[in-house]
C-alpha cells in the first residue's frame, strides 16, 4: 500500500510546540456523556438500502416533576447513509485526538489518518484508510436531532438540539500533493527551489459548536480505551459505553429489558424478550469475562414482570468505573470510613479528618448515632449535613445525651466492615482470574476442534454467523469468536447414535 499521510512520528515533530505545551495535560481518554447515552449509529456495518433514519427514545422519571420523553433521531444522507458501528468507533477516536491535540480548547483538530488508525488498533491497510474516509464523510452529513435528550451542562438541563457532528473535514492525499509540488517545481527557477519542498499539511476536522461546547463544559467522563478497543462485538462496545456512564455512583443497575436493549443498545424493537436475551448474551459474557460486570446466572440477571415485560439486573465488576468517592480515598482511615458510612461524601470526610481533632470527630459520631437512635428532629431532614455541621461548628452535646460506654465500637465496626469488603474483593478477583484461565483453555480446545472440522461444516457455521450478524463479513477478528461459539453449542448438543457417530473423540471434546 502506498503511504498516504504522515506517520505518527512526523505528526509529532510537525506539532512540537503544541505537544510540548500540553505535556502536563491529563493523558486519560475521554467520552462525551450525551454520545454515550443513546446509540448514534447502527450495530452493523451495513445499513439496508433506502434506510436513512434511526429513532431511539426512553421515558425519564423525574423526582419532583412529571416524566419526560427523551428522543434522538439520526438522519443520514442518501449518498453516505446512516452511521455504522465502525463509524461510532471512529468517532470515539476523534474525541481522543481532540484530547491529545488541545485538551478540548480548539474545535479544529489537525490529524493524520495513519495516527487515527494506529490509535484504534486497526491494520495499516488501504481498507482501513478508505474506511476512515467513509466515516468522516458520513459524520459531516449526519444530523442528530435531540428532543429533551441533550444535556446542557452549563444550564444543567435537558434541551432540544439539532446539529451535524462535524462541521467540515479537510483530507490531504500525499500522492496528489507530491504531483502538485512537482509541477510547481518545474516552473520555479533555481537549484534550491527544486530540492526544497514545502511541508506536507495535515488533514483536519472541525467539531460542530454544540458538541464542542459540551466538551468545554466538562460533560465528559473517563474512558478505558484499552478495554473498549479490546471488545470484539459492536453490541459489547455500545453496552460498555452506556453502562460505564450509568455506573457513576452506583454498583447495581436495574432496567426494563426492552428499553435497555432497544433504546440504549440499538437492538431491533421487533425482537421478543427471548430473542433480546439471546442477542445480549454474547455482550454480557464478554463484559463478565473482562471483569466489567459481575457474573450472574440467568435467574439472577432477569426477573419476570408480566407477559412480554422483563427486568434486567447489572452489577458493576472489579474493573467497572470507580465512583468519585472511591477515587478520592487513599490510605484506609477508620474515621473517614465511619463518616462515609453515615452519608458524608468522601471528599468532605477527608477534609474533616484532616482539619479537626480525632477526639472531636469521634465524639460527634457517638452523639450523632445517639440522636439517630432516638429519632431526634435535629437530624431528621438532612442527617449527613447535621453531622458535618456539628464537627465544623463543634456543637455542644445535648443535655440529655448519654455517652456511649464503648467509645471504640464505631471504629471496630468500621474496621470489621472494611476487612470483610477486602476479603470479598480478593475472592472475587481470584474467581475472575480462574474464569479467564478456563476461557483460554476452552478457546484453545475449540480452535483445535475447528481445525478438524470438514470444510463443508465450517462453511455452514460461517454462513450461519454471517446471517445472524450482517455487516461483519469483512472483519475476521469479529467473525472468529462467533464461529467458535456456534461450534461449542453444537458440540454440547451433539449426541452419539448408531447412525451418526461423533465428530470427535472424547479427548477432543470441549469442556
Protein backbone atom coordinates (compact mmCIF):
# COMPACT_ATOMS: atom_id res chain seq x y z
CA UNK A 1 0.00 0.00 0.00
CA UNK A 2 1.25 3.49 -0.80
CA UNK A 3 1.51 5.58 2.30
CA UNK A 4 -0.98 8.40 2.03
CA UNK A 5 -0.26 10.51 5.10
CA UNK A 6 2.47 11.35 7.54
CA UNK A 7 3.21 8.61 10.08
CA UNK A 8 2.76 9.39 13.74
CA UNK A 9 6.37 10.39 14.41
CA UNK A 10 6.17 13.05 11.67
CA UNK A 11 2.92 14.34 13.02
CA UNK A 12 4.52 14.83 16.43
CA UNK A 13 7.50 16.66 15.00
CA UNK A 14 5.22 18.92 12.98
CA UNK A 15 3.37 19.95 16.10
CA UNK A 16 6.23 20.01 18.62
CA UNK A 17 5.29 23.32 20.14
CA UNK A 18 1.74 22.24 20.89
CA UNK A 19 2.82 18.82 22.19
CA UNK A 20 5.42 20.34 24.50
CA UNK A 21 2.88 22.83 25.81
CA UNK A 22 0.43 20.10 26.67
CA UNK A 23 2.72 17.59 28.38
CA UNK A 24 1.17 18.40 31.73
CA UNK A 25 -2.32 17.68 30.46
CA UNK A 26 -4.06 14.63 31.91
CA UNK A 27 -3.42 11.86 29.33
CA UNK A 28 -6.60 9.97 30.25
CA UNK A 29 -9.01 9.07 27.46
CA UNK A 30 -12.48 10.63 27.45
CA UNK A 31 -16.04 10.02 26.29
CA UNK A 32 -18.80 12.61 25.85
CA UNK A 33 -21.76 11.78 28.08
CA UNK A 34 -24.55 12.59 25.61
CA UNK A 35 -22.97 10.41 22.92
CA UNK A 36 -22.81 7.51 25.39
CA UNK A 37 -26.47 7.74 26.45
CA UNK A 38 -28.23 6.82 23.19
CA UNK A 39 -26.90 4.92 20.15
CA UNK A 40 -25.84 7.32 17.42
CA UNK A 41 -25.08 4.52 14.94
CA UNK A 42 -26.43 1.17 13.83
CA UNK A 43 -24.99 -2.01 15.36
CA UNK A 44 -23.94 -3.40 11.98
CA UNK A 45 -21.58 -2.12 9.29
CA UNK A 46 -24.18 -2.44 6.56
CA UNK A 47 -27.45 -0.47 6.53
CA UNK A 48 -30.44 -1.68 4.48
CA UNK A 49 -30.80 0.21 1.20
CA UNK A 50 -33.06 3.22 1.47
CA UNK A 51 -32.95 3.49 5.27
CA UNK A 52 -31.79 6.98 6.23
CA UNK A 53 -33.35 7.44 9.69
CA UNK A 54 -32.97 5.85 13.12
CA UNK A 55 -35.03 6.81 16.19
CA UNK A 56 -34.37 5.97 19.85
CA UNK A 57 -36.34 7.15 22.85
CA UNK A 58 -36.96 6.47 26.52
CA UNK A 59 -39.03 7.78 29.41
CA UNK A 60 -37.16 9.72 32.09
CA UNK A 61 -38.76 9.62 35.51
CA UNK A 62 -38.14 12.82 37.49
CA UNK A 63 -38.30 13.17 41.25
CA UNK A 64 -40.30 16.40 41.57
CA UNK A 65 -41.97 16.81 38.17
CA UNK A 66 -43.82 14.75 35.54
CA UNK A 67 -41.75 12.30 33.46
CA UNK A 68 -40.43 13.40 30.09
CA UNK A 69 -39.96 11.52 26.83
CA UNK A 70 -36.41 11.79 25.52
CA UNK A 71 -35.96 11.13 21.80
CA UNK A 72 -32.98 11.02 19.44
CA UNK A 73 -33.48 10.98 15.66
CA UNK A 74 -30.45 10.21 13.47
CA UNK A 75 -30.77 11.34 9.86
CA UNK A 76 -28.27 10.27 7.18
CA UNK A 77 -27.79 11.49 3.64
CA UNK A 78 -28.82 9.50 0.56
CA UNK A 79 -25.20 9.48 -0.65
CA UNK A 80 -23.41 8.35 2.53
CA UNK A 81 -26.27 6.89 4.56
CA UNK A 82 -26.52 6.31 8.29
CA UNK A 83 -23.52 5.85 10.61
CA UNK A 84 -22.50 2.28 11.35
CA UNK A 85 -20.75 0.50 14.22
CA UNK A 86 -17.31 1.25 12.78
CA UNK A 87 -18.22 4.91 12.30
CA UNK A 88 -19.07 5.01 16.00
CA UNK A 89 -15.60 3.62 16.77
CA UNK A 90 -14.00 6.28 14.57
CA UNK A 91 -15.91 8.99 16.45
CA UNK A 92 -14.50 7.70 19.74
CA UNK A 93 -11.06 8.01 18.16
CA UNK A 94 -11.75 11.62 17.09
CA UNK A 95 -12.59 12.52 20.70
CA UNK A 96 -9.24 11.10 21.83
CA UNK A 97 -7.38 13.05 19.12
CA UNK A 98 -9.07 16.24 20.35
CA UNK A 99 -7.94 15.49 23.89
CA UNK A 100 -4.41 14.74 22.66
CA UNK A 101 -4.08 17.84 20.45
CA UNK A 102 -5.51 20.65 22.57
CA UNK A 103 -7.25 19.18 25.62
CA UNK A 104 -10.59 20.37 24.15
CA UNK A 105 -9.54 24.00 23.68
CA UNK A 106 -9.69 24.11 19.85
CA UNK A 107 -12.64 22.89 17.76
CA UNK A 108 -10.37 22.39 14.75
CA UNK A 109 -8.20 19.29 15.14
CA UNK A 110 -5.24 18.56 12.81
CA UNK A 111 -4.57 14.84 12.40
CA UNK A 112 -3.35 12.11 10.10
CA UNK A 113 -5.29 9.01 9.13
CA UNK A 114 -2.18 6.99 9.99
CA UNK A 115 -2.34 8.27 13.56
CA UNK A 116 -6.08 7.62 13.90
CA UNK A 117 -5.77 4.07 12.55
CA UNK A 118 -2.91 3.38 14.97
CA UNK A 119 -4.95 4.79 17.85
CA UNK A 120 -7.87 2.48 17.03
CA UNK A 121 -5.63 -0.55 16.59
CA UNK A 122 -6.76 -1.15 13.01
CA UNK A 123 -4.39 -2.64 10.41
CA UNK A 124 -2.42 -0.10 8.39
CA UNK A 125 -4.05 -1.10 5.10
CA UNK A 126 -5.82 0.54 2.21
CA UNK A 127 -9.13 -0.79 3.51
CA UNK A 128 -8.63 0.97 6.85
CA UNK A 129 -7.76 4.25 5.13
CA UNK A 130 -10.87 4.03 2.96
CA UNK A 131 -13.00 3.16 5.99
CA UNK A 132 -11.73 6.21 7.89
CA UNK A 133 -12.60 8.45 4.94
CA UNK A 134 -16.10 6.97 4.68
CA UNK A 135 -16.68 7.58 8.38
CA UNK A 136 -15.52 11.20 8.21
CA UNK A 137 -17.72 11.94 5.19
CA UNK A 138 -20.68 10.32 6.94
CA UNK A 139 -20.25 12.31 10.18
CA UNK A 140 -20.20 15.57 8.18
CA UNK A 141 -23.53 14.66 6.58
CA UNK A 142 -25.35 13.06 9.50
CA UNK A 143 -27.79 15.19 11.52
CA UNK A 144 -28.58 14.38 15.16
CA UNK A 145 -31.89 15.73 16.45
CA UNK A 146 -32.25 15.53 20.25
CA UNK A 147 -35.67 16.22 21.81
CA UNK A 148 -35.45 16.72 25.59
CA UNK A 149 -32.40 14.45 25.31
CA UNK A 150 -29.28 16.66 25.06
CA UNK A 151 -27.84 17.54 28.45
CA UNK A 152 -26.62 21.17 28.59
CA UNK A 153 -24.01 21.01 31.33
CA UNK A 154 -23.87 24.79 31.69
CA UNK A 155 -27.64 25.20 32.09
CA UNK A 156 -27.93 21.88 34.00
CA UNK A 157 -30.99 20.99 31.93
CA UNK A 158 -32.23 18.69 29.15
CA UNK A 159 -32.69 20.72 25.95
CA UNK A 160 -33.60 20.26 22.28
CA UNK A 161 -30.63 20.37 19.88
CA UNK A 162 -30.25 19.64 16.17
CA UNK A 163 -26.80 19.63 14.58
CA UNK A 164 -24.19 17.94 12.40
CA UNK A 165 -21.48 16.12 14.31
CA UNK A 166 -18.61 17.58 12.25
CA UNK A 167 -18.82 20.94 10.51
CA UNK A 168 -16.11 20.15 7.96
CA UNK A 169 -13.29 17.73 7.15
CA UNK A 170 -10.15 18.50 5.13
CA UNK A 171 -8.21 15.49 3.81
CA UNK A 172 -4.83 15.75 2.10
CA UNK A 173 -3.63 12.96 -0.15
CA UNK A 174 0.16 12.52 -0.18
CA UNK A 175 0.36 11.37 -3.81
CA UNK A 176 -1.71 14.30 -5.11
CA UNK A 177 0.38 16.68 -3.04
CA UNK A 178 3.62 15.25 -4.47
CA UNK A 179 2.35 15.68 -8.05
CA UNK A 180 1.28 19.27 -7.42
CA UNK A 181 4.59 20.21 -5.80
CA UNK A 182 6.49 18.54 -8.67
CA UNK A 183 4.60 20.65 -11.23
CA UNK A 184 5.26 23.83 -9.28
CA UNK A 185 8.96 22.95 -9.02
CA UNK A 186 9.27 22.81 -12.82
CA UNK A 187 8.06 26.38 -13.13
CA UNK A 188 10.40 27.68 -10.44
CA UNK A 189 13.99 28.59 -11.28
CA UNK A 190 16.99 27.84 -9.08
CA UNK A 191 18.51 24.61 -7.79
CA UNK A 192 17.40 25.31 -4.22
CA UNK A 193 13.77 25.59 -5.22
CA UNK A 194 13.96 22.20 -6.98
CA UNK A 195 15.26 20.37 -3.94
CA UNK A 196 13.32 22.09 -1.15
CA UNK A 197 9.67 21.11 -0.74
CA UNK A 198 7.06 22.81 1.41
CA UNK A 199 5.99 20.84 4.50
CA UNK A 200 3.13 18.42 3.97
CA UNK A 201 -0.03 19.83 5.58
CA UNK A 202 -2.06 17.73 7.99
CA UNK A 203 -5.66 16.77 7.42
CA UNK A 204 -8.13 18.26 9.88
CA UNK A 205 -11.70 18.14 11.11
CA UNK A 206 -13.82 20.68 12.98
CA UNK A 207 -16.42 19.79 15.60
CA UNK A 208 -19.87 21.29 15.49
CA UNK A 209 -20.29 24.07 18.05
CA UNK A 210 -22.91 22.16 20.09
CA UNK A 211 -20.67 19.15 20.72
CA UNK A 212 -17.58 21.27 21.27
CA UNK A 213 -19.34 23.41 23.88
CA UNK A 214 -20.32 20.18 25.64
CA UNK A 215 -16.64 19.18 25.67
CA UNK A 216 -15.65 22.52 27.13
CA UNK A 217 -18.39 22.48 29.77
CA UNK A 218 -16.84 19.31 31.18
CA UNK A 219 -19.64 16.97 30.11
CA UNK A 220 -17.07 14.19 29.81
CA UNK A 221 -16.15 11.00 31.62
CA UNK A 222 -13.07 8.83 31.78
CA UNK A 223 -12.91 6.06 29.16
CA UNK A 224 -10.83 2.90 29.49
CA UNK A 225 -9.80 2.98 25.82
CA UNK A 226 -7.68 -0.17 26.17
CA UNK A 227 -10.69 -2.11 27.42
CA UNK A 228 -13.03 -0.53 24.84
CA UNK A 229 -10.80 -1.47 21.90
CA UNK A 230 -10.33 -4.98 23.29
CA UNK A 231 -14.08 -5.64 23.00
CA UNK A 232 -14.88 -7.75 19.94
CA UNK A 233 -18.54 -7.10 19.20
CA UNK A 234 -20.31 -3.82 18.36
CA UNK A 235 -23.06 -4.74 20.84
CA UNK A 236 -20.47 -5.08 23.62
CA UNK A 237 -18.84 -1.74 22.80
CA UNK A 238 -22.17 0.08 22.82
CA UNK A 239 -23.24 -1.60 26.06
CA UNK A 240 -19.88 -0.82 27.68
CA UNK A 241 -20.05 2.92 26.94
CA UNK A 242 -23.63 3.20 28.17
CA UNK A 243 -23.11 1.19 31.38
CA UNK A 244 -19.75 2.86 32.04
CA UNK A 245 -21.69 6.13 32.24
CA UNK A 246 -24.62 4.77 34.25
CA UNK A 247 -22.43 3.08 36.90
CA UNK A 248 -21.46 6.56 38.11
CA UNK A 249 -22.00 6.45 41.91
CA UNK A 250 -23.81 3.10 41.56
CA UNK A 251 -22.81 -0.53 41.66
CA UNK A 252 -26.20 -2.01 40.68
CA UNK A 253 -28.45 -1.07 37.76
CA UNK A 254 -32.00 -2.24 37.08
CA UNK A 255 -33.56 -1.63 33.64
CA UNK A 256 -36.60 -2.62 31.69
CA UNK A 257 -35.14 -5.21 29.30
CA UNK A 258 -36.70 -3.76 26.15
CA UNK A 259 -35.71 -0.18 27.00
CA UNK A 260 -32.09 -1.13 27.59
CA UNK A 261 -31.76 -3.47 24.62
CA UNK A 262 -33.68 -1.46 22.00
CA UNK A 263 -33.35 2.19 23.03
CA UNK A 264 -29.85 2.30 24.56
CA UNK A 265 -28.03 -0.58 22.84
CA UNK A 266 -29.82 -0.45 19.47
CA UNK A 267 -31.36 -3.92 19.01
CA UNK A 268 -34.49 -4.26 16.88
CA UNK A 269 -37.83 -3.48 18.53
CA UNK A 270 -39.34 -6.44 16.66
CA UNK A 271 -37.46 -8.93 18.84
CA UNK A 272 -39.36 -10.81 21.55
CA UNK A 273 -37.85 -10.87 25.08
CA UNK A 274 -36.35 -14.33 24.45
CA UNK A 275 -34.56 -13.06 21.34
CA UNK A 276 -33.38 -9.90 23.13
CA UNK A 277 -31.79 -12.06 25.83
CA UNK A 278 -30.11 -14.22 23.20
CA UNK A 279 -28.72 -11.19 21.37
CA UNK A 280 -27.44 -9.61 24.60
CA UNK A 281 -25.80 -12.77 25.92
CA UNK A 282 -22.50 -12.57 23.92
CA UNK A 283 -22.01 -8.96 25.06
CA UNK A 284 -22.82 -9.79 28.69
CA UNK A 285 -20.46 -12.78 28.59
CA UNK A 286 -17.65 -10.65 27.20
CA UNK A 287 -18.07 -7.91 29.84
CA UNK A 288 -18.25 -10.54 32.59
CA UNK A 289 -15.06 -12.25 31.40
CA UNK A 290 -13.20 -8.93 31.44
CA UNK A 291 -14.39 -8.16 34.96
CA UNK A 292 -16.52 -5.14 34.00
CA UNK A 293 -19.73 -6.90 35.11
CA UNK A 294 -20.35 -9.31 37.95
CA UNK A 295 -21.13 -12.83 36.77
CA UNK A 296 -24.85 -13.56 37.27
CA UNK A 297 -26.95 -16.58 36.40
CA UNK A 298 -29.97 -16.05 34.09
CA UNK A 299 -32.24 -16.32 37.14
CA UNK A 300 -30.28 -13.55 38.87
CA UNK A 301 -29.92 -11.46 35.70
CA UNK A 302 -33.58 -11.38 34.61
CA UNK A 303 -36.83 -11.03 36.52
CA UNK A 304 -40.31 -11.56 35.08
CA UNK A 305 -42.79 -8.69 35.48
CA UNK A 306 -45.71 -9.66 33.24
CA UNK A 307 -46.26 -11.13 29.81
CA UNK A 308 -43.78 -9.54 27.41
CA UNK A 309 -42.10 -7.50 30.18
CA UNK A 310 -38.82 -8.38 31.92
CA UNK A 311 -36.28 -6.54 34.06
CA UNK A 312 -32.52 -6.93 33.69
CA UNK A 313 -30.04 -6.54 36.56
CA UNK A 314 -26.42 -5.44 36.02
CA UNK A 315 -23.83 -5.23 38.81
CA UNK A 316 -20.53 -3.44 38.46
CA UNK A 317 -17.49 -5.75 38.46
CA UNK A 318 -13.99 -5.19 39.77
CA UNK A 319 -12.96 -3.43 36.53
CA UNK A 320 -16.03 -1.23 36.45
CA UNK A 321 -15.71 2.57 36.77
CA UNK A 322 -14.65 3.70 40.22
CA UNK A 323 -17.03 6.02 41.97
CA UNK A 324 -15.70 9.55 42.55
CA UNK A 325 -15.73 8.76 46.26
CA UNK A 326 -13.55 5.72 45.66
CA UNK A 327 -11.07 7.68 43.59
CA UNK A 328 -10.58 10.18 46.40
CA UNK A 329 -9.88 7.55 49.03
CA UNK A 330 -6.17 6.90 49.61
CA UNK A 331 -4.99 5.26 52.83
CA UNK A 332 -7.64 3.38 54.81
CA UNK A 333 -8.86 5.54 57.65
CA UNK A 334 -11.27 4.44 60.34
CA UNK A 335 -12.78 7.89 60.87
CA UNK A 336 -13.21 8.50 57.14
CA UNK A 337 -14.97 5.15 56.82
CA UNK A 338 -17.19 5.98 59.77
CA UNK A 339 -18.20 9.34 58.25
CA UNK A 340 -18.86 7.82 54.83
CA UNK A 341 -21.00 5.07 56.31
CA UNK A 342 -23.23 7.83 57.69
CA UNK A 343 -23.73 9.52 54.33
CA UNK A 344 -20.86 12.03 54.25
CA UNK A 345 -19.17 12.36 50.85
CA UNK A 346 -15.58 11.10 50.70
CA UNK A 347 -14.05 14.48 49.85
CA UNK A 348 -15.76 16.18 52.80
CA UNK A 349 -14.90 13.25 55.08
CA UNK A 350 -11.21 13.60 54.24
CA UNK A 351 -11.37 17.37 54.82
CA UNK A 352 -13.00 16.88 58.22
CA UNK A 353 -10.47 14.27 59.34
CA UNK A 354 -7.56 16.41 58.12
CA UNK A 355 -8.83 19.62 59.71
CA UNK A 356 -10.25 18.55 63.10
CA UNK A 357 -9.00 16.59 66.13
CA UNK A 358 -9.87 12.88 66.05
CA UNK A 359 -11.43 13.06 69.51
CA UNK A 360 -13.91 15.72 68.35
CA UNK A 361 -14.94 13.65 65.32
CA UNK A 362 -15.32 10.50 67.42
CA UNK A 363 -17.46 12.34 69.98
CA UNK A 364 -19.68 13.88 67.29
CA UNK A 365 -20.13 10.43 65.72
CA UNK A 366 -21.32 9.00 69.05
CA UNK A 367 -23.71 11.90 69.59
CA UNK A 368 -24.98 11.59 66.02
CA UNK A 369 -25.68 7.86 66.44
CA UNK A 370 -27.50 8.57 69.71
CA UNK A 371 -29.68 11.21 68.02
CA UNK A 372 -30.49 8.81 65.18
CA UNK A 373 -31.49 6.04 67.60
CA UNK A 374 -33.78 8.45 69.43
CA UNK A 375 -35.27 9.80 66.15
CA UNK A 376 -34.32 13.34 67.10
CA UNK A 377 -35.84 16.02 64.84
CA UNK A 378 -32.49 17.82 64.54
CA UNK A 379 -31.18 15.09 62.22
CA UNK A 380 -34.48 14.27 60.52
CA UNK A 381 -34.22 16.22 57.25
CA UNK A 382 -30.50 16.00 56.47
CA UNK A 383 -28.61 13.67 58.82
CA UNK A 384 -25.28 13.82 56.99
CA UNK A 385 -25.46 17.63 56.77
CA UNK A 386 -26.11 17.87 60.51
CA UNK A 387 -23.12 15.60 61.24
CA UNK A 388 -20.79 17.72 59.09
CA UNK A 389 -22.03 20.96 60.68
CA UNK A 390 -21.67 19.54 64.20
CA UNK A 391 -18.00 18.77 63.57
CA UNK A 392 -17.19 22.08 61.89
CA UNK A 393 -19.03 24.24 64.44
CA UNK A 394 -18.25 21.96 67.40
CA UNK A 395 -21.86 21.63 68.56
CA UNK A 396 -22.32 21.13 72.29
CA UNK A 397 -23.63 17.79 73.48
CA UNK A 398 -27.39 17.72 74.17
CA UNK A 399 -28.28 17.96 77.86
CA UNK A 400 -29.89 14.51 77.90
CA UNK A 401 -27.13 12.82 75.90
CA UNK A 402 -25.85 9.63 77.44
CA UNK A 403 -22.30 8.96 76.39
CA UNK A 404 -21.56 5.65 74.82
CA UNK A 405 -20.00 3.11 77.13
CA UNK A 406 -17.95 1.72 74.30
CA UNK A 407 -16.17 4.59 72.59
CA UNK A 408 -14.32 2.26 70.23
CA UNK A 409 -17.41 0.45 68.94
CA UNK A 410 -17.77 2.64 65.88
CA UNK A 411 -14.13 2.23 64.92
CA UNK A 412 -14.19 -1.53 65.42
CA UNK A 413 -17.33 -1.89 63.32
CA UNK A 414 -15.79 0.12 60.51
CA UNK A 415 -12.62 -1.99 60.65
CA UNK A 416 -14.60 -5.22 60.52
CA UNK A 417 -16.69 -3.98 57.59
CA UNK A 418 -13.60 -2.91 55.69
CA UNK A 419 -11.83 -6.22 56.31
CA UNK A 420 -14.86 -8.15 55.07
CA UNK A 421 -15.04 -5.99 51.95
CA UNK A 422 -11.32 -6.52 51.22
CA UNK A 423 -11.69 -10.29 51.67
CA UNK A 424 -14.66 -10.35 49.28
CA UNK A 425 -12.73 -8.31 46.71
CA UNK A 426 -9.81 -10.74 46.88
CA UNK A 427 -12.15 -13.70 46.45
CA UNK A 428 -13.87 -12.02 43.51
CA UNK A 429 -10.53 -11.31 41.84
CA UNK A 430 -9.39 -14.92 42.24
CA UNK A 431 -12.69 -16.15 40.81
CA UNK A 432 -12.45 -13.86 37.77
CA UNK A 433 -8.85 -14.93 37.12
CA UNK A 434 -9.88 -18.59 37.34
CA UNK A 435 -12.68 -17.96 34.84
CA UNK A 436 -10.23 -16.21 32.50
CA UNK A 437 -7.82 -19.17 32.63
CA UNK A 438 -10.68 -21.56 31.92
CA UNK A 439 -11.81 -19.42 28.99
CA UNK A 440 -8.33 -19.55 27.43
CA UNK A 441 -8.17 -23.32 27.77
CA UNK A 442 -11.67 -23.70 26.32
CA UNK A 443 -10.82 -21.43 23.39
CA UNK A 444 -7.67 -23.43 22.62
CA UNK A 445 -9.69 -26.67 22.56
CA UNK A 446 -12.32 -25.06 20.35
CA UNK A 447 -9.72 -23.86 17.86
CA UNK A 448 -8.27 -27.37 17.69
CA UNK A 449 -11.76 -28.78 17.13
CA UNK A 450 -12.41 -26.18 14.42
CA UNK A 451 -9.28 -27.23 12.54
CA UNK A 452 -10.54 -30.83 12.48
CA UNK A 453 -13.94 -29.91 11.05
CA UNK A 454 -14.65 -30.83 7.41
CA UNK A 455 -14.69 -27.83 5.09
CA UNK A 456 -18.44 -28.08 4.40
CA UNK A 457 -19.25 -27.95 8.13
CA UNK A 458 -17.00 -24.90 8.63
CA UNK A 459 -18.70 -23.16 5.71
CA UNK A 460 -22.13 -23.96 7.18
CA UNK A 461 -21.21 -22.45 10.57
CA UNK A 462 -19.70 -19.38 8.90
CA UNK A 463 -22.86 -18.88 6.82
CA UNK A 464 -25.00 -19.07 9.97
CA UNK A 465 -22.86 -16.46 11.77
CA UNK A 466 -22.91 -14.08 8.81
CA UNK A 467 -26.68 -14.40 8.53
CA UNK A 468 -27.13 -13.53 12.22
CA UNK A 469 -24.60 -10.69 12.09
CA UNK A 470 -24.90 -8.84 8.77
CA UNK A 471 -22.07 -6.44 8.05
CA UNK A 472 -19.30 -8.31 9.88
CA UNK A 473 -18.24 -10.42 6.92
CA UNK A 474 -15.22 -8.23 6.20
CA UNK A 475 -13.81 -8.33 9.72
CA UNK A 476 -12.20 -11.67 10.53
CA UNK A 477 -11.40 -10.83 14.15
CA UNK A 478 -15.13 -10.32 14.82
CA UNK A 479 -16.27 -13.46 12.99
CA UNK A 480 -13.87 -15.92 14.63
CA UNK A 481 -15.25 -15.81 18.20
CA UNK A 482 -18.82 -16.09 16.90
CA UNK A 483 -17.96 -19.15 14.82
CA UNK A 484 -16.29 -20.79 17.80
CA UNK A 485 -19.35 -20.06 19.95
CA UNK A 486 -21.62 -21.81 17.42
CA UNK A 487 -19.23 -24.76 17.26
CA UNK A 488 -19.19 -25.03 21.05
CA UNK A 489 -23.00 -25.06 21.20
CA UNK A 490 -23.18 -27.78 18.55
CA UNK A 491 -20.60 -29.91 20.34
CA UNK A 492 -22.55 -29.69 23.57
CA UNK A 493 -25.81 -30.65 21.87
CA UNK A 494 -24.26 -33.48 19.86
CA UNK A 495 -25.40 -36.94 20.99
CA UNK A 496 -23.86 -40.11 19.53
CA UNK A 497 -26.05 -42.67 17.82
CA UNK A 498 -25.62 -45.73 15.63
CA UNK A 499 -26.42 -43.73 12.52
CA UNK A 500 -24.44 -40.60 13.45
CA UNK A 501 -21.01 -41.18 15.01
CA UNK A 502 -19.25 -38.46 16.99
CA UNK A 503 -17.18 -35.98 15.01
CA UNK A 504 -14.51 -36.01 17.72
CA UNK A 505 -13.19 -38.45 20.26
CA UNK A 506 -13.76 -37.85 23.95
CA UNK A 507 -10.37 -36.22 24.29
CA UNK A 508 -11.23 -33.73 21.54
CA UNK A 509 -14.46 -32.52 23.13
CA UNK A 510 -14.69 -29.11 24.74
CA UNK A 511 -15.37 -28.94 28.48
